[in-house]
Structures are given as C-alpha cells and as structure tokens.
Amino acid sequence: KDAQGTAAPTVPLSSECFPFEQKAALDFVGSKEQFVVVKPAQPLLKLTNVFTIESAIFVRTVTSYAPIVAKVDNGFKNGYALLLIDHPAFKGDPIEGPHVHFFVGPWTVTGGQEVKVRIETEQWIHVTGVFNGKELRIYLNGTLKDQFDLVWGEEDEFHSKHDLHIGGIPAKYAFDGYIDEARIWNIAKNEEEI
C-alpha cells in the first residue's frame, strides 16, 4: 500500500509466463530519500564470477536514473545494477523511451559494458540481468532481449564494496513505481530457469 493506504494495482504480470497477480509490492514515489539498503554481508561480497539479478516492476514515470537493484559506487565506476533510464529522442537514441539497463563494471550513460531493453510503463513486467563471467544478458518477461560479450583487463574491478540499494540511491537517484521480488542469485540462470 502507498502512503494514502491505496493498494498496489492488481494487474496480471503476464498470462503466458507468470500465472499470478501482484498483490503487494514496495511503492517508491520517486523521492531521493526513499530506498531500501542492504548492508553487504559475505555472500553478497563474494558475487564475482557469476550472478543473476531479477525483479518484478511496475513503472509509473521515469526521471533521470532510477535504480531497481544497484550495488555501485556513487559514480557508477564499479559495481552492477538493473537501472531504469529514459532515452529521449533529442539525444539521438535509435529507440527512445524507457529502458532497463543491466551493467557490470564501469558504466556511463554513453556506453560501457551493458545490455538494455525497452519497456512500457504502467504495467507489471519481470526483468532479469545475468552475468555468466563472460557475457551479460537481459531478459524481459523471461525472453532474452540483449547480450554483450564482456571485455576484461586484469586490472579491471567490477565489484563494489558499497551497500546494495533497491529503489534509489540516497540523495541522488529515485525509482517511481512498484518493485517486488527483487532477488540476487549466485548462479547464472538460463532462459528456462528465468
């Protein structure tokens, strides 16, 4: 429920892939002061070679960068994240509109080691980012949408010792919508498992 006591919209996530409806979720209202923090315990710190990040989301609006699940330093110099970004037409993006990005390691809005998928707002979707040690993959509602072979130098470090954030990064970035079932797995899930 949101601050006014209104329940999250009950919308089928997908009749094909997910035979359930969302009944409750974290409601983020786009405030840079609203987020969930998970302090890095040993299992989270040991995610280095392979992992999967997934979440069900319902996006209301997109403003700036909107972390879904992020374990990054403040400048996105290292770490990993599922991040929502609006691609405006004036920046020359071939496909404008809201996109979910999954990145590992150094990242900037102009490029980096990432995969992305365009999404629609005002509906429940399931997004998954997979890192198998060699490539990144992103899935939308269980279907592979993009993949990228990583290029690593011996000096490169992608792991951030910072906190894991869901729905925002304090005083910087905020998500506007619902986030549910945010999970991080220490395996690289395949399409059947997603």
C-alpha atoms as a PDB file:
ATOM      1  CA  LYS A   1       0.000   0.000   0.000  1.00  0.00           C
ATOM      2  CA  ASP A   2       1.125   3.540  -0.638  1.00  0.00           C
ATOM      3  CA  ALA A   3       1.184   6.385   1.907  1.00  0.00           C
ATOM      4  CA  GLN A   4      -2.561   7.034   1.380  1.00  0.00           C
ATOM      5  CA  GLY A   5      -3.414   3.355   2.008  1.00  0.00           C
ATOM      6  CA  THR A   6      -4.188   2.566  -1.621  1.00  0.00           C
ATOM      7  CA  ALA A   7      -3.264  -0.968  -2.611  1.00  0.00           C
ATOM      8  CA  ALA A   8      -0.872  -1.634  -5.489  1.00  0.00           C
ATOM      9  CA  PRO A   9      -2.757  -2.200  -8.733  1.00  0.00           C
ATOM     10  CA  THR A  10      -3.701  -5.834  -9.161  1.00  0.00           C
ATOM     11  CA  VAL A  11      -2.562  -6.463 -12.709  1.00  0.00           C
ATOM     12  CA  PRO A  12      -1.600  -9.813 -14.216  1.00  0.00           C
ATOM     13  CA  LEU A  13       2.142  -9.811 -14.747  1.00  0.00           C
ATOM     14  CA  SER A  14       1.835 -11.986 -17.825  1.00  0.00           C
ATOM     15  CA  SER A  15      -0.658 -14.700 -18.571  1.00  0.00           C
ATOM     16  CA  GLU A  16       1.949 -16.610 -20.588  1.00  0.00           C
ATOM     17  CA  CYS A  17       4.887 -16.677 -18.162  1.00  0.00           C
ATOM     18  CA  PHE A  18       3.569 -15.873 -14.719  1.00  0.00           C
ATOM     19  CA  PRO A  19       0.259 -17.364 -13.545  1.00  0.00           C
ATOM     20  CA  PHE A  20      -0.139 -14.983 -10.611  1.00  0.00           C
ATOM     21  CA  GLU A  21      -1.085 -11.404  -9.887  1.00  0.00           C
ATOM     22  CA  GLN A  22       0.841  -8.833  -7.881  1.00  0.00           C
ATOM     23  CA  LYS A  23      -0.959  -8.203  -4.598  1.00  0.00           C
ATOM     24  CA  ALA A  24       1.704  -6.287  -2.653  1.00  0.00           C
ATOM     25  CA  ALA A  25       4.950  -4.545  -3.519  1.00  0.00           C
ATOM     26  CA  LEU A  26       7.309  -1.805  -2.364  1.00  0.00           C
ATOM     27  CA  ASP A  27       5.848   1.524  -3.518  1.00  0.00           C
ATOM     28  CA  PHE A  28       8.551   4.025  -4.479  1.00  0.00           C
ATOM     29  CA  VAL A  29       7.274   7.536  -5.166  1.00  0.00           C
ATOM     30  CA  GLY A  30      10.301   8.990  -6.964  1.00  0.00           C
ATOM     31  CA  SER A  31      11.813  10.503  -3.817  1.00  0.00           C
ATOM     32  CA  LYS A  32      15.606  10.550  -3.489  1.00  0.00           C
ATOM     33  CA  GLU A  33      15.070   9.949   0.215  1.00  0.00           C
ATOM     34  CA  GLN A  34      13.140   6.685  -0.247  1.00  0.00           C
ATOM     35  CA  PHE A  35      15.105   3.459  -0.798  1.00  0.00           C
ATOM     36  CA  VAL A  36      15.948   0.095   0.733  1.00  0.00           C
ATOM     37  CA  VAL A  37      19.540  -0.543   1.836  1.00  0.00           C
ATOM     38  CA  VAL A  38      21.099  -3.966   2.281  1.00  0.00           C
ATOM     39  CA  LYS A  39      24.464  -3.943   4.045  1.00  0.00           C
ATOM     40  CA  PRO A  40      26.968  -6.155   2.199  1.00  0.00           C
ATOM     41  CA  ALA A  41      27.295  -9.488   4.011  1.00  0.00           C
ATOM     42  CA  GLN A  42      29.796 -12.130   2.896  1.00  0.00           C
ATOM     43  CA  PRO A  43      27.501 -13.883   0.368  1.00  0.00           C
ATOM     44  CA  LEU A  44      26.837 -10.548  -1.347  1.00  0.00           C
ATOM     45  CA  LEU A  45      30.511  -9.591  -1.286  1.00  0.00           C
ATOM     46  CA  LYS A  46      31.501 -12.902  -2.872  1.00  0.00           C
ATOM     47  CA  LEU A  47      29.465 -12.364  -6.061  1.00  0.00           C
ATOM     48  CA  THR A  48      32.327 -12.024  -8.504  1.00  0.00           C
ATOM     49  CA  ASN A  49      32.161 -14.575 -11.305  1.00  0.00           C
ATOM     50  CA  VAL A  50      28.512 -15.334 -11.970  1.00  0.00           C
ATOM     51  CA  PHE A  51      25.191 -13.992 -10.744  1.00  0.00           C
ATOM     52  CA  THR A  52      21.620 -13.163 -11.687  1.00  0.00           C
ATOM     53  CA  ILE A  53      19.567 -10.122 -10.631  1.00  0.00           C
ATOM     54  CA  GLU A  54      15.821 -10.108 -11.159  1.00  0.00           C
ATOM     55  CA  SER A  55      12.724  -8.191 -10.138  1.00  0.00           C
ATOM     56  CA  ALA A  56       9.109  -7.576 -10.996  1.00  0.00           C
ATOM     57  CA  ILE A  57       8.497  -3.854 -11.572  1.00  0.00           C
ATOM     58  CA  PHE A  58       5.625  -1.514 -12.344  1.00  0.00           C
ATOM     59  CA  VAL A  59       6.985   1.805 -13.635  1.00  0.00           C
ATOM     60  CA  ARG A  60       4.825   4.929 -13.262  1.00  0.00           C
ATOM     61  CA  THR A  61       7.236   7.538 -14.620  1.00  0.00           C
ATOM     62  CA  VAL A  62      10.918   7.714 -15.493  1.00  0.00           C
ATOM     63  CA  THR A  63      13.116  10.580 -14.365  1.00  0.00           C
ATOM     64  CA  SER A  64      16.898  10.568 -14.690  1.00  0.00           C
ATOM     65  CA  TYR A  65      18.459   7.310 -13.490  1.00  0.00           C
ATOM     66  CA  ALA A  66      16.152   5.061 -11.482  1.00  0.00           C
ATOM     67  CA  PRO A  67      17.883   2.176  -9.689  1.00  0.00           C
ATOM     68  CA  ILE A  68      15.851  -1.005  -9.452  1.00  0.00           C
ATOM     69  CA  VAL A  69      18.619  -3.036  -7.769  1.00  0.00           C
ATOM     70  CA  ALA A  70      22.094  -1.454  -7.611  1.00  0.00           C
ATOM     71  CA  LYS A  71      25.366  -2.252  -5.866  1.00  0.00           C
ATOM     72  CA  VAL A  72      27.566   0.539  -7.175  1.00  0.00           C
ATOM     73  CA  ASP A  73      29.817   3.317  -6.028  1.00  0.00           C
ATOM     74  CA  ASN A  74      28.437   6.855  -6.291  1.00  0.00           C
ATOM     75  CA  GLY A  75      29.820   7.472  -9.770  1.00  0.00           C
ATOM     76  CA  PHE A  76      28.986   4.075 -11.312  1.00  0.00           C
ATOM     77  CA  LYS A  77      32.743   3.434 -11.643  1.00  0.00           C
ATOM     78  CA  ASN A  78      32.365  -0.124 -10.406  1.00  0.00           C
ATOM     79  CA  GLY A  79      29.592  -2.412  -9.336  1.00  0.00           C
ATOM     80  CA  TYR A  80      26.488  -3.789 -11.001  1.00  0.00           C
ATOM     81  CA  ALA A  81      22.876  -2.724 -11.399  1.00  0.00           C
ATOM     82  CA  LEU A  82      19.500  -3.031 -13.003  1.00  0.00           C
ATOM     83  CA  LEU A  83      18.813   0.622 -13.783  1.00  0.00           C
ATOM     84  CA  LEU A  84      15.853   2.343 -15.433  1.00  0.00           C
ATOM     85  CA  ILE A  85      16.651   5.244 -17.781  1.00  0.00           C
ATOM     86  CA  ASP A  86      14.534   7.289 -20.182  1.00  0.00           C
ATOM     87  CA  HIS A  87      16.104   7.596 -23.642  1.00  0.00           C
ATOM     88  CA  PRO A  88      14.953  10.929 -25.083  1.00  0.00           C
ATOM     89  CA  ALA A  89      14.749  11.413 -28.858  1.00  0.00           C
ATOM     90  CA  PHE A  90      16.893  14.560 -28.766  1.00  0.00           C
ATOM     91  CA  LYS A  91      19.969  12.579 -27.695  1.00  0.00           C
ATOM     92  CA  GLY A  92      19.884  10.613 -30.922  1.00  0.00           C
ATOM     93  CA  ASP A  93      18.912   7.282 -29.381  1.00  0.00           C
ATOM     94  CA  PRO A  94      17.704   4.956 -32.127  1.00  0.00           C
ATOM     95  CA  ILE A  95      14.907   3.725 -29.847  1.00  0.00           C
ATOM     96  CA  GLU A  96      13.561   6.340 -27.473  1.00  0.00           C
ATOM     97  CA  GLY A  97      11.584   5.717 -24.324  1.00  0.00           C
ATOM     98  CA  PRO A  98      12.174   3.932 -21.024  1.00  0.00           C
ATOM     99  CA  HIS A  99      14.875   1.242 -20.955  1.00  0.00           C
ATOM    100  CA  VAL A 100      16.159  -1.091 -18.264  1.00  0.00           C
ATOM    101  CA  HIS A 101      19.960  -1.360 -18.350  1.00  0.00           C
ATOM    102  CA  PHE A 102      21.992  -4.143 -16.754  1.00  0.00           C
ATOM    103  CA  PHE A 103      25.675  -3.395 -16.359  1.00  0.00           C
ATOM    104  CA  VAL A 104      28.708  -4.833 -14.641  1.00  0.00           C
ATOM    105  CA  GLY A 105      31.880  -2.840 -14.045  1.00  0.00           C
ATOM    106  CA  PRO A 106      32.495   0.733 -15.171  1.00  0.00           C
ATOM    107  CA  TRP A 107      29.401   2.299 -16.730  1.00  0.00           C
ATOM    108  CA  THR A 108      28.342   5.613 -18.219  1.00  0.00           C
ATOM    109  CA  VAL A 109      25.168   6.660 -19.983  1.00  0.00           C
ATOM    110  CA  THR A 110      27.159   6.970 -23.243  1.00  0.00           C
ATOM    111  CA  GLY A 111      28.287   3.373 -23.169  1.00  0.00           C
ATOM    112  CA  GLY A 112      30.030   0.693 -21.263  1.00  0.00           C
ATOM    113  CA  GLN A 113      29.668  -2.976 -20.627  1.00  0.00           C
ATOM    114  CA  GLU A 114      25.896  -3.210 -20.574  1.00  0.00           C
ATOM    115  CA  VAL A 115      22.773  -4.695 -22.060  1.00  0.00           C
ATOM    116  CA  LYS A 116      19.415  -2.969 -22.229  1.00  0.00           C
ATOM    117  CA  VAL A 117      15.791  -3.475 -23.179  1.00  0.00           C
ATOM    118  CA  ARG A 118      13.000  -1.011 -23.941  1.00  0.00           C
ATOM    119  CA  ILE A 119       9.970  -1.359 -21.687  1.00  0.00           C
ATOM    120  CA  GLU A 120       6.456   0.035 -21.380  1.00  0.00           C
ATOM    121  CA  THR A 121       5.272   1.918 -18.308  1.00  0.00           C
ATOM    122  CA  GLU A 122       2.069   1.389 -16.314  1.00  0.00           C
ATOM    123  CA  GLN A 123       2.214  -2.416 -16.442  1.00  0.00           C
ATOM    124  CA  TRP A 124       3.885  -5.186 -14.482  1.00  0.00           C
ATOM    125  CA  ILE A 125       6.984  -6.678 -16.095  1.00  0.00           C
ATOM    126  CA  HIS A 126       9.744  -9.017 -14.976  1.00  0.00           C
ATOM    127  CA  VAL A 127      13.356  -8.023 -15.752  1.00  0.00           C
ATOM    128  CA  THR A 128      16.420 -10.208 -15.266  1.00  0.00           C
ATOM    129  CA  GLY A 129      20.116  -9.440 -15.709  1.00  0.00           C
ATOM    130  CA  VAL A 130      22.537 -12.375 -15.966  1.00  0.00           C
ATOM    131  CA  PHE A 131      26.341 -12.274 -15.738  1.00  0.00           C
ATOM    132  CA  ASN A 132      27.981 -15.632 -16.500  1.00  0.00           C
ATOM    133  CA  GLY A 133      31.594 -14.464 -16.193  1.00  0.00           C
ATOM    134  CA  LYS A 134      31.933 -13.900 -19.948  1.00  0.00           C
ATOM    135  CA  GLU A 135      28.806 -12.104 -21.088  1.00  0.00           C
ATOM    136  CA  LEU A 136      25.852 -10.046 -19.923  1.00  0.00           C
ATOM    137  CA  ARG A 137      22.281 -10.962 -20.819  1.00  0.00           C
ATOM    138  CA  ILE A 138      18.996  -9.184 -20.146  1.00  0.00           C
ATOM    139  CA  TYR A 139      15.572 -10.803 -20.222  1.00  0.00           C
ATOM    140  CA  LEU A 140      12.132  -9.220 -20.318  1.00  0.00           C
ATOM    141  CA  ASN A 141       9.300 -11.448 -19.071  1.00  0.00           C
ATOM    142  CA  GLY A 142      11.536 -14.491 -19.490  1.00  0.00           C
ATOM    143  CA  THR A 143      12.645 -13.755 -23.067  1.00  0.00           C
ATOM    144  CA  LEU A 144      16.258 -12.902 -23.948  1.00  0.00           C
ATOM    145  CA  LYS A 145      16.383  -9.356 -25.360  1.00  0.00           C
ATOM    146  CA  ASP A 146      20.083  -8.391 -25.476  1.00  0.00           C
ATOM    147  CA  GLN A 147      23.526  -9.863 -24.793  1.00  0.00           C
ATOM    148  CA  PHE A 148      27.059  -8.500 -24.739  1.00  0.00           C
ATOM    149  CA  ASP A 149      30.471 -10.186 -24.508  1.00  0.00           C
ATOM    150  CA  LEU A 150      32.472  -8.566 -21.724  1.00  0.00           C
ATOM    151  CA  VAL A 151      35.998  -7.346 -22.240  1.00  0.00           C
ATOM    152  CA  TRP A 152      38.035  -7.509 -19.036  1.00  0.00           C
ATOM    153  CA  GLY A 153      41.574  -6.434 -18.292  1.00  0.00           C
ATOM    154  CA  GLU A 154      43.476  -7.971 -15.411  1.00  0.00           C
ATOM    155  CA  GLU A 155      43.288  -4.665 -13.540  1.00  0.00           C
ATOM    156  CA  ASP A 156      39.550  -4.200 -14.034  1.00  0.00           C
ATOM    157  CA  GLU A 157      37.362  -4.451 -10.973  1.00  0.00           C
ATOM    158  CA  PHE A 158      33.613  -4.562 -11.222  1.00  0.00           C
ATOM    159  CA  HIS A 159      32.764  -5.382  -7.643  1.00  0.00           C
ATOM    160  CA  SER A 160      31.638  -2.568  -5.372  1.00  0.00           C
ATOM    161  CA  LYS A 161      32.017  -2.773  -1.618  1.00  0.00           C
ATOM    162  CA  HIS A 162      29.163  -0.264  -1.289  1.00  0.00           C
ATOM    163  CA  ASP A 163      25.696  -1.114   0.012  1.00  0.00           C
ATOM    164  CA  LEU A 164      23.071  -2.746  -2.170  1.00  0.00           C
ATOM    165  CA  HIS A 165      20.189  -0.373  -2.893  1.00  0.00           C
ATOM    166  CA  ILE A 166      16.668  -1.108  -4.057  1.00  0.00           C
ATOM    167  CA  GLY A 167      14.549   1.713  -5.489  1.00  0.00           C
ATOM    168  CA  GLY A 168      17.077   4.514  -5.155  1.00  0.00           C
ATOM    169  CA  ILE A 169      20.492   5.787  -4.191  1.00  0.00           C
ATOM    170  CA  PRO A 170      20.435   8.253  -1.262  1.00  0.00           C
ATOM    171  CA  ALA A 171      20.133  11.907  -2.327  1.00  0.00           C
ATOM    172  CA  LYS A 172      20.956  11.020  -5.951  1.00  0.00           C
ATOM    173  CA  TYR A 173      18.533   8.792  -7.870  1.00  0.00           C
ATOM    174  CA  ALA A 174      14.986   7.525  -7.355  1.00  0.00           C
ATOM    175  CA  PHE A 175      12.562   4.997  -8.816  1.00  0.00           C
ATOM    176  CA  ASP A 176       8.882   5.883  -9.324  1.00  0.00           C
ATOM    177  CA  GLY A 177       6.682   2.804  -9.222  1.00  0.00           C
ATOM    178  CA  TYR A 178       6.456  -0.589  -7.583  1.00  0.00           C
ATOM    179  CA  ILE A 179       9.277  -3.098  -7.077  1.00  0.00           C
ATOM    180  CA  ASP A 180       8.594  -6.647  -5.990  1.00  0.00           C
ATOM    181  CA  GLU A 181      10.502  -9.916  -5.698  1.00  0.00           C
ATOM    182  CA  ALA A 182      13.947  -8.297  -6.089  1.00  0.00           C
ATOM    183  CA  ARG A 183      16.423 -11.173  -5.960  1.00  0.00           C
ATOM    184  CA  ILE A 184      20.130 -11.793  -6.481  1.00  0.00           C
ATOM    185  CA  TRP A 185      21.294 -15.343  -7.204  1.00  0.00           C
ATOM    186  CA  ASN A 186      24.874 -16.637  -7.119  1.00  0.00           C
ATOM    187  CA  ILE A 187      24.278 -18.554 -10.368  1.00  0.00           C
ATOM    188  CA  ALA A 188      23.859 -17.514 -13.993  1.00  0.00           C
ATOM    189  CA  LYS A 189      20.279 -18.536 -14.696  1.00  0.00           C
ATOM    190  CA  ASN A 190      19.368 -19.725 -18.148  1.00  0.00           C
ATOM    191  CA  GLU A 191      16.179 -18.907 -20.051  1.00  0.00           C
ATOM    192  CA  GLU A 192      14.329 -21.978 -18.745  1.00  0.00           C
ATOM    193  CA  GLU A 193      15.149 -21.085 -15.110  1.00  0.00           C
ATOM    194  CA  ILE A 194      14.031 -17.483 -15.561  1.00  0.00           C
END
